[in-house]
């Protein structure tokens, strides 16, 4: 039989929660660049539109300061350097806060899709990425081809809209040359904001399309094969062979403990060929008789042999043996419904022991025991057993 192939074509099963969690620990979460671009540029455009008068006034003052010449600019060597520094500082007061807000908006937009994920795994060196063959596979992967095609379409669409818009407003920009500087700056700002609005429509539409697309691509990247699913199940649940051996060892340990308790029992009740239940009763420490061992088939014979070797009475009471095996738990007191039947059996055993010691007459045949029919598994009115032992 050929070994199953574990390549991308076999990965058609959805990722399990554990696989998704491990991917997040490795830094693999869904992110939408288009969403980040749309939010950052949109916020920047809104801020510019809201603070347009102040920004234009500030830019105008900077231009006036930069274009003003006086005697100090000619006589002092560092005058031009100081003026240039003031101009640059003024521009930084505009650019840096705007850039910081756009950066924060981009981070928040990224968190909107994939949520917060703190990990240093992506910073660890991965030498397998130096493999050129693996690099070619990643380059022509479904995810990379989709991202490249999407980026190209978006660039073409934005470039086309920008070119059409600039061509249609070329006369407006040309007419700015005849206006005074303050009026030209104000008109240029309004015109650019209008063009930015058209580009924002495209960016928002691209982000709306890209978010479900990124979820789909991320889910496809995390898909699992049958072999990976089975391996994960083994890691979570443990190897089936190992668990089976553990159950066998547990069953053997319980059986050894039960057989060791049989010599201390007061009697063993048996169905001749199938069930055996060992009972012990101490009036000083127990409120009711307790089951110290029980078993079926081969285990029943082992309990019988252990009782015979320890001279513990073994009584044939098929109905009672079946009822005790089905409804009494190991190391627990017998059910209240069986108190009367077990009491009669214990009384019979005590009389038998007294007769063997020469202290009383030998008892007759064991009387019919008052076992409720619903507790007998072979009765038509039997109810389901409440417990199952390990060797059932």
Protein backbone atom coordinates (compact mmCIF):
# COMPACT_ATOMS: atom_id res chain seq x y z
CA UNK A 1 0.00 0.00 0.00
CA UNK A 2 1.39 3.38 -0.95
CA UNK A 3 2.06 5.82 1.86
CA UNK A 4 -0.44 8.67 2.03
CA UNK A 5 0.84 11.92 0.65
CA UNK A 6 0.80 14.84 3.08
CA UNK A 7 0.93 17.77 0.71
CA UNK A 8 -1.29 20.78 0.20
CA UNK A 9 -3.66 18.82 -2.02
CA UNK A 10 -4.52 16.48 0.88
CA UNK A 11 -5.26 19.30 3.31
CA UNK A 12 -9.00 19.64 2.91
CA UNK A 13 -10.14 19.40 6.55
CA UNK A 14 -10.87 22.60 8.52
CA UNK A 15 -8.34 23.50 11.19
CA UNK A 16 -9.04 22.41 14.74
CA UNK A 17 -9.05 24.94 17.63
CA UNK A 18 -5.67 23.59 18.73
CA UNK A 19 -4.19 24.11 15.25
CA UNK A 20 -5.55 27.67 15.19
CA UNK A 21 -4.12 28.37 18.65
CA UNK A 22 -0.71 27.02 17.64
CA UNK A 23 -0.81 29.17 14.50
CA UNK A 24 -1.54 32.26 16.61
CA UNK A 25 1.40 31.39 18.85
CA UNK A 26 3.55 31.34 15.70
CA UNK A 27 2.19 34.78 14.72
CA UNK A 28 -0.12 33.52 11.98
CA UNK A 29 -3.31 35.56 12.20
CA UNK A 30 -5.52 37.04 9.52
CA UNK A 31 -4.63 40.62 8.64
CA UNK A 32 -5.97 42.95 5.97
CA UNK A 33 -3.53 45.53 4.62
CA UNK A 34 -6.28 47.17 2.64
CA UNK A 35 -8.29 47.71 5.81
CA UNK A 36 -5.29 49.32 7.48
CA UNK A 37 -4.64 51.55 4.48
CA UNK A 38 -8.27 52.61 4.26
CA UNK A 39 -8.55 53.45 7.95
CA UNK A 40 -5.20 55.27 8.13
CA UNK A 41 -5.70 57.32 4.97
CA UNK A 42 -9.34 57.98 5.83
CA UNK A 43 -8.41 59.27 9.28
CA UNK A 44 -5.67 61.40 7.80
CA UNK A 45 -8.08 62.89 5.27
CA UNK A 46 -10.67 63.63 7.96
CA UNK A 47 -8.08 65.34 10.15
CA UNK A 48 -6.84 67.41 7.25
CA UNK A 49 -10.39 68.40 6.32
CA UNK A 50 -11.26 69.27 9.93
CA UNK A 51 -8.10 71.25 10.60
CA UNK A 52 -7.73 72.55 7.06
CA UNK A 53 -7.92 76.28 7.95
CA UNK A 54 -5.31 75.96 10.72
CA UNK A 55 -3.03 73.76 8.62
CA UNK A 56 -3.26 76.06 5.60
CA UNK A 57 -2.53 79.09 7.76
CA UNK A 58 0.44 77.33 9.29
CA UNK A 59 1.77 76.32 5.86
CA UNK A 60 1.28 79.85 4.58
CA UNK A 61 3.26 81.30 7.48
CA UNK A 62 6.02 78.78 6.88
CA UNK A 63 6.20 79.68 3.21
CA UNK A 64 6.24 83.40 3.98
CA UNK A 65 9.01 82.85 6.50
CA UNK A 66 10.97 80.73 4.04
CA UNK A 67 10.66 83.21 1.17
CA UNK A 68 11.48 86.31 3.22
CA UNK A 69 14.97 87.77 2.79
CA UNK A 70 16.60 90.45 4.92
CA UNK A 71 20.01 91.82 5.67
CA UNK A 72 20.70 89.24 8.37
CA UNK A 73 20.39 86.46 5.82
CA UNK A 74 23.29 88.03 3.93
CA UNK A 75 25.52 89.21 6.76
CA UNK A 76 25.20 86.32 9.22
CA UNK A 77 26.67 82.95 8.20
CA UNK A 78 24.25 80.81 10.18
CA UNK A 79 21.08 82.82 9.50
CA UNK A 80 19.94 80.60 6.63
CA UNK A 81 20.64 77.47 8.68
CA UNK A 82 18.54 78.76 11.57
CA UNK A 83 15.72 79.73 9.24
CA UNK A 84 15.80 76.34 7.54
CA UNK A 85 15.69 74.69 10.94
CA UNK A 86 12.59 76.70 11.91
CA UNK A 87 10.87 75.75 8.66
CA UNK A 88 11.67 72.07 9.07
CA UNK A 89 10.56 72.15 12.71
CA UNK A 90 7.28 73.73 11.66
CA UNK A 91 6.63 71.04 9.08
CA UNK A 92 7.45 68.34 11.63
CA UNK A 93 4.80 69.76 13.96
CA UNK A 94 2.29 69.00 11.21
CA UNK A 95 3.65 65.75 9.82
CA UNK A 96 4.62 63.89 13.02
CA UNK A 97 1.27 64.12 14.88
CA UNK A 98 -0.61 63.27 11.69
CA UNK A 99 1.71 60.32 11.00
CA UNK A 100 1.41 59.08 14.61
CA UNK A 101 -2.38 59.16 14.46
CA UNK A 102 -2.40 57.34 11.13
CA UNK A 103 -0.04 54.70 12.54
CA UNK A 104 -2.29 54.17 15.57
CA UNK A 105 -5.29 53.93 13.26
CA UNK A 106 -3.50 51.33 11.15
CA UNK A 107 -2.71 49.23 14.25
CA UNK A 108 -6.32 49.44 15.45
CA UNK A 109 -7.52 48.42 12.00
CA UNK A 110 -5.26 45.36 12.10
CA UNK A 111 -6.68 44.41 15.50
CA UNK A 112 -10.22 44.66 14.13
CA UNK A 113 -9.71 41.55 11.98
CA UNK A 114 -7.26 39.27 13.75
CA UNK A 115 -7.37 40.61 17.30
CA UNK A 116 -4.44 41.14 19.65
CA UNK A 117 -1.72 38.53 19.38
CA UNK A 118 1.51 39.02 21.32
CA UNK A 119 4.32 36.68 20.30
CA UNK A 120 8.01 36.90 19.46
CA UNK A 121 8.01 33.78 17.29
CA UNK A 122 8.08 35.68 13.96
CA UNK A 123 11.35 37.33 15.07
CA UNK A 124 13.13 34.01 15.54
CA UNK A 125 15.56 33.07 12.74
CA UNK A 126 14.21 30.41 10.40
CA UNK A 127 16.96 28.94 8.29
CA UNK A 128 14.51 26.90 6.22
CA UNK A 129 13.49 30.16 4.55
CA UNK A 130 16.93 30.26 2.95
CA UNK A 131 16.01 27.22 0.87
CA UNK A 132 15.47 28.51 -2.70
CA UNK A 133 13.12 25.66 -3.62
CA UNK A 134 10.90 26.36 -0.63
CA UNK A 135 11.06 30.05 -1.50
CA UNK A 136 9.81 29.36 -5.01
CA UNK A 137 6.94 27.31 -3.60
CA UNK A 138 5.95 30.20 -1.33
CA UNK A 139 6.32 32.66 -4.22
CA UNK A 140 3.87 30.73 -6.38
CA UNK A 141 1.56 29.67 -3.57
CA UNK A 142 -2.16 30.35 -3.68
CA UNK A 143 -1.88 33.00 -0.96
CA UNK A 144 1.00 34.88 -2.57
CA UNK A 145 -0.53 34.82 -6.05
CA UNK A 146 -3.83 36.10 -4.69
CA UNK A 147 -2.11 38.91 -2.79
CA UNK A 148 -0.05 39.90 -5.85
CA UNK A 149 -3.06 39.91 -8.16
CA UNK A 150 -5.11 41.90 -5.67
CA UNK A 151 -2.33 44.47 -5.20
CA UNK A 152 -1.92 44.88 -8.96
CA UNK A 153 -5.64 45.36 -9.54
CA UNK A 154 -5.85 47.89 -6.72
CA UNK A 155 -2.81 49.82 -8.03
CA UNK A 156 -4.24 49.90 -11.56
CA UNK A 157 -7.64 51.00 -10.31
CA UNK A 158 -6.24 53.75 -8.06
CA UNK A 159 -3.87 54.93 -10.77
CA UNK A 160 -6.66 55.05 -13.35
CA UNK A 161 -9.00 56.99 -11.07
CA UNK A 162 -6.19 59.35 -10.07
CA UNK A 163 -5.18 59.97 -13.67
CA UNK A 164 -8.77 60.58 -14.79
CA UNK A 165 -9.39 62.90 -11.86
CA UNK A 166 -6.17 64.90 -12.43
CA UNK A 167 -6.93 65.24 -16.11
CA UNK A 168 -10.42 66.51 -15.41
CA UNK A 169 -9.05 69.06 -12.89
CA UNK A 170 -5.97 70.12 -14.80
CA UNK A 171 -7.47 73.51 -15.61
CA UNK A 172 -8.30 74.06 -11.92
CA UNK A 173 -4.68 73.52 -10.94
CA UNK A 174 -3.48 75.73 -13.79
CA UNK A 175 -5.76 78.55 -12.68
CA UNK A 176 -4.16 78.49 -9.22
CA UNK A 177 -1.07 80.14 -10.71
CA UNK A 178 -2.99 83.38 -11.12
CA UNK A 179 -4.30 83.52 -7.56
CA UNK A 180 -2.63 85.03 -4.52
CA UNK A 181 -0.74 82.55 -2.38
CA UNK A 182 -3.33 82.22 0.45
CA UNK A 183 -6.19 81.77 -1.98
CA UNK A 184 -4.14 79.32 -4.10
CA UNK A 185 -3.32 77.19 -1.05
CA UNK A 186 -6.96 77.11 0.07
CA UNK A 187 -8.26 76.18 -3.36
CA UNK A 188 -5.55 73.53 -3.85
CA UNK A 189 -6.40 71.98 -0.48
CA UNK A 190 -10.12 71.76 -1.26
CA UNK A 191 -9.45 70.26 -4.66
CA UNK A 192 -7.06 67.65 -3.28
CA UNK A 193 -9.50 66.68 -0.52
CA UNK A 194 -12.17 66.10 -3.15
CA UNK A 195 -9.84 63.82 -5.08
CA UNK A 196 -8.90 62.04 -1.88
CA UNK A 197 -12.59 61.31 -1.33
CA UNK A 198 -12.79 59.39 -4.62
CA UNK A 199 -9.70 57.37 -3.71
CA UNK A 200 -11.17 56.62 -0.27
CA UNK A 201 -14.26 55.10 -1.88
CA UNK A 202 -12.02 52.68 -3.76
CA UNK A 203 -9.94 51.88 -0.65
CA UNK A 204 -13.02 51.24 1.49
CA UNK A 205 -14.53 48.97 -1.18
CA UNK A 206 -11.22 47.10 -1.42
CA UNK A 207 -11.11 46.68 2.38
CA UNK A 208 -14.68 45.36 2.48
CA UNK A 209 -13.75 42.75 -0.13
CA UNK A 210 -10.35 41.97 1.39
CA UNK A 211 -11.51 41.15 4.94
CA UNK A 212 -13.54 38.02 4.10
CA UNK A 213 -10.93 37.13 1.49
CA UNK A 214 -8.17 37.18 4.14
CA UNK A 215 -10.28 35.02 6.45
CA UNK A 216 -10.77 32.53 3.64
CA UNK A 217 -7.06 32.47 2.69
CA UNK A 218 -6.02 32.13 6.33
CA UNK A 219 -8.44 29.23 6.84
CA UNK A 220 -7.12 27.57 3.67
CA UNK A 221 -3.53 27.92 4.91
CA UNK A 222 -4.42 26.18 8.18
CA UNK A 223 -6.36 23.28 6.65
CA UNK A 224 -5.27 19.86 7.83
CA UNK A 225 -4.84 16.43 6.29
CA UNK A 226 -6.19 13.20 7.76
CA UNK A 227 -2.69 12.32 8.95
CA UNK A 228 -2.31 15.64 10.77
CA UNK A 229 -5.76 15.21 12.33
CA UNK A 230 -4.88 11.73 13.59
CA UNK A 231 -1.53 12.92 14.91
CA UNK A 232 -3.18 15.75 16.81
CA UNK A 233 -5.75 13.36 18.23
CA UNK A 234 -2.94 11.10 19.45
CA UNK A 235 -1.22 14.06 21.09
CA UNK A 236 -4.40 15.14 22.85
CA UNK A 237 -5.95 11.81 23.74
CA UNK A 238 -2.84 9.65 23.87
CA UNK A 239 -1.92 6.66 21.76
CA UNK A 240 -4.72 4.07 21.63
CA UNK A 241 -2.33 1.18 22.21
CA UNK A 242 -0.78 2.89 25.23
CA UNK A 243 -4.20 3.67 26.69
CA UNK A 244 -5.31 0.09 26.12
CA UNK A 245 -2.25 -1.21 27.97
CA UNK A 246 -2.93 1.23 30.79
CA UNK A 247 -6.50 -0.03 31.09
CA UNK A 248 -5.26 -3.61 31.17
CA UNK A 249 -2.81 -2.77 33.95
CA UNK A 250 -5.53 -0.97 35.91
CA UNK A 251 -7.87 -3.93 35.53
CA UNK A 252 -5.16 -6.33 36.67
CA UNK A 253 -4.41 -4.15 39.69
CA UNK A 254 -8.10 -4.05 40.64
CA UNK A 255 -8.37 -7.81 40.21
CA UNK A 256 -5.32 -8.43 42.41
CA UNK A 257 -6.74 -6.14 45.07
CA UNK A 258 -10.11 -7.93 44.96
CA UNK A 259 -8.56 -11.38 45.19
CA UNK A 260 -6.46 -10.23 48.14
CA UNK A 261 -9.66 -9.12 49.91
CA UNK A 262 -11.52 -12.43 49.37
CA UNK A 263 -9.89 -14.31 52.31
CA UNK A 264 -11.25 -11.66 54.70
CA UNK A 265 -14.80 -11.91 53.31
CA UNK A 266 -17.64 -13.56 55.24
CA UNK A 267 -19.03 -15.39 52.21
CA UNK A 268 -19.11 -15.54 48.43
CA UNK A 269 -22.44 -15.61 46.58
CA UNK A 270 -22.26 -17.28 43.18
CA UNK A 271 -24.26 -17.92 40.10
CA UNK A 272 -22.66 -21.30 39.43
CA UNK A 273 -21.00 -20.43 36.12
CA UNK A 274 -21.09 -16.68 35.54
CA UNK A 275 -21.06 -14.37 38.57
CA UNK A 276 -19.40 -14.26 41.99
CA UNK A 277 -19.72 -11.57 44.67
CA UNK A 278 -17.73 -11.57 47.94
CA UNK A 279 -19.40 -9.88 50.93
CA UNK A 280 -18.04 -8.74 54.26
CA UNK A 281 -19.96 -7.44 57.26
CA UNK A 282 -18.63 -6.07 60.54
CA UNK A 283 -21.39 -5.02 62.88
CA UNK A 284 -19.07 -2.66 64.77
CA UNK A 285 -17.80 -0.68 61.78
CA UNK A 286 -20.34 -1.19 58.97
CA UNK A 287 -23.94 -0.12 58.67
CA UNK A 288 -24.58 -2.75 56.00
CA UNK A 289 -22.67 -5.54 54.24
CA UNK A 290 -20.03 -4.36 51.81
CA UNK A 291 -18.92 -5.80 48.46
CA UNK A 292 -15.19 -6.52 48.61
CA UNK A 293 -14.87 -8.41 45.31
CA UNK A 294 -16.99 -9.27 42.31
CA UNK A 295 -16.40 -10.71 38.89
CA UNK A 296 -17.85 -12.53 35.91
CA UNK A 297 -16.85 -15.71 34.10
CA UNK A 298 -13.12 -16.40 34.61
CA UNK A 299 -12.84 -13.81 37.37
CA UNK A 300 -15.81 -15.43 39.14
CA UNK A 301 -13.96 -18.76 39.21
CA UNK A 302 -10.82 -17.07 40.54
CA UNK A 303 -12.86 -15.51 43.36
CA UNK A 304 -14.41 -18.91 44.10
CA UNK A 305 -11.01 -20.61 44.18
CA UNK A 306 -9.58 -17.92 46.44
CA UNK A 307 -12.54 -18.29 48.80
CA UNK A 308 -12.26 -22.07 48.83
CA UNK A 309 -8.56 -21.86 49.61
CA UNK A 310 -9.24 -19.46 52.50
CA UNK A 311 -12.18 -21.59 53.76
CA UNK A 312 -14.68 -18.78 53.06
CA UNK A 313 -18.21 -20.20 52.53
CA UNK A 314 -19.35 -20.20 48.89
CA UNK A 315 -23.14 -20.28 48.44
CA UNK A 316 -25.03 -20.91 45.24
CA UNK A 317 -27.66 -18.14 44.99
CA UNK A 318 -28.01 -17.32 41.29
CA UNK A 319 -30.66 -14.60 41.52
CA UNK A 320 -28.93 -12.80 44.38
CA UNK A 321 -25.51 -13.13 42.71
CA UNK A 322 -26.83 -11.59 39.49
CA UNK A 323 -28.54 -8.75 41.35
CA UNK A 324 -25.46 -7.95 43.44
CA UNK A 325 -23.17 -8.04 40.42
CA UNK A 326 -25.42 -5.74 38.42
CA UNK A 327 -26.39 -3.21 41.11
CA UNK A 328 -23.77 -3.26 43.88
CA UNK A 329 -20.56 -1.21 43.54
CA UNK A 330 -17.15 -2.47 44.54
CA UNK A 331 -16.04 -1.37 48.03
CA UNK A 332 -19.52 0.04 48.66
CA UNK A 333 -22.46 -1.10 50.77
CA UNK A 334 -25.08 -3.23 49.04
CA UNK A 335 -28.32 -1.58 47.82
CA UNK A 336 -31.03 -1.23 50.45
CA UNK A 337 -33.43 -3.36 48.37
CA UNK A 338 -31.13 -6.37 48.87
CA UNK A 339 -30.70 -5.98 52.64
CA UNK A 340 -33.30 -8.67 53.48
CA UNK A 341 -31.89 -11.24 51.05
CA UNK A 342 -28.29 -10.68 52.17
CA UNK A 343 -29.35 -10.80 55.82
CA UNK A 344 -30.85 -14.25 55.29
CA UNK A 345 -27.68 -15.43 53.57
CA UNK A 346 -25.48 -14.11 56.38
CA UNK A 347 -27.72 -15.72 58.98
CA UNK A 348 -27.45 -19.02 57.13
CA UNK A 349 -23.64 -18.74 57.07
CA UNK A 350 -23.46 -17.91 60.78
CA UNK A 351 -25.66 -20.93 61.57
CA UNK A 352 -23.47 -23.10 59.38
CA UNK A 353 -20.32 -21.94 61.15
CA UNK A 354 -21.91 -22.54 64.56
CA UNK A 355 -22.92 -26.05 63.45
CA UNK A 356 -19.40 -26.80 62.27
CA UNK A 357 -18.10 -25.62 65.65
CA UNK A 358 -20.58 -27.90 67.44
CA UNK A 359 -22.46 -24.98 68.96
CA UNK A 360 -25.77 -25.36 67.09
CA UNK A 361 -27.72 -27.70 64.88
CA UNK A 362 -26.97 -27.77 61.17
CA UNK A 363 -29.21 -25.48 59.13
CA UNK A 364 -31.47 -26.86 56.47
CA UNK A 365 -31.68 -25.84 52.84
CA UNK A 366 -31.12 -22.19 51.98
CA UNK A 367 -34.59 -20.59 51.87
CA UNK A 368 -35.92 -18.65 48.90
CA UNK A 369 -34.37 -15.20 49.01
CA UNK A 370 -36.56 -12.06 48.71
CA UNK A 371 -34.73 -10.51 45.72
CA UNK A 372 -36.89 -7.91 43.92
CA UNK A 373 -37.57 -9.04 40.36
CA UNK A 374 -36.59 -5.66 38.93
CA UNK A 375 -33.04 -6.13 40.27
CA UNK A 376 -32.51 -9.44 38.48
CA UNK A 377 -30.91 -8.73 35.05
CA UNK A 378 -32.59 -11.82 33.59
CA UNK A 379 -36.06 -10.80 34.75
CA UNK A 380 -38.53 -9.26 32.27
CA UNK A 381 -39.08 -6.37 34.69
CA UNK A 382 -35.38 -5.76 35.31
CA UNK A 383 -34.13 -2.19 35.37
CA UNK A 384 -30.76 -1.17 33.87
CA UNK A 385 -27.72 -1.70 36.11
CA UNK A 386 -26.49 1.42 37.88
CA UNK A 387 -22.78 0.61 37.72
CA UNK A 388 -20.23 -1.39 35.79
CA UNK A 389 -17.07 -2.84 37.17
CA UNK A 390 -13.75 -2.71 35.33
CA UNK A 391 -13.82 -6.40 34.43
CA UNK A 392 -17.41 -6.28 33.08
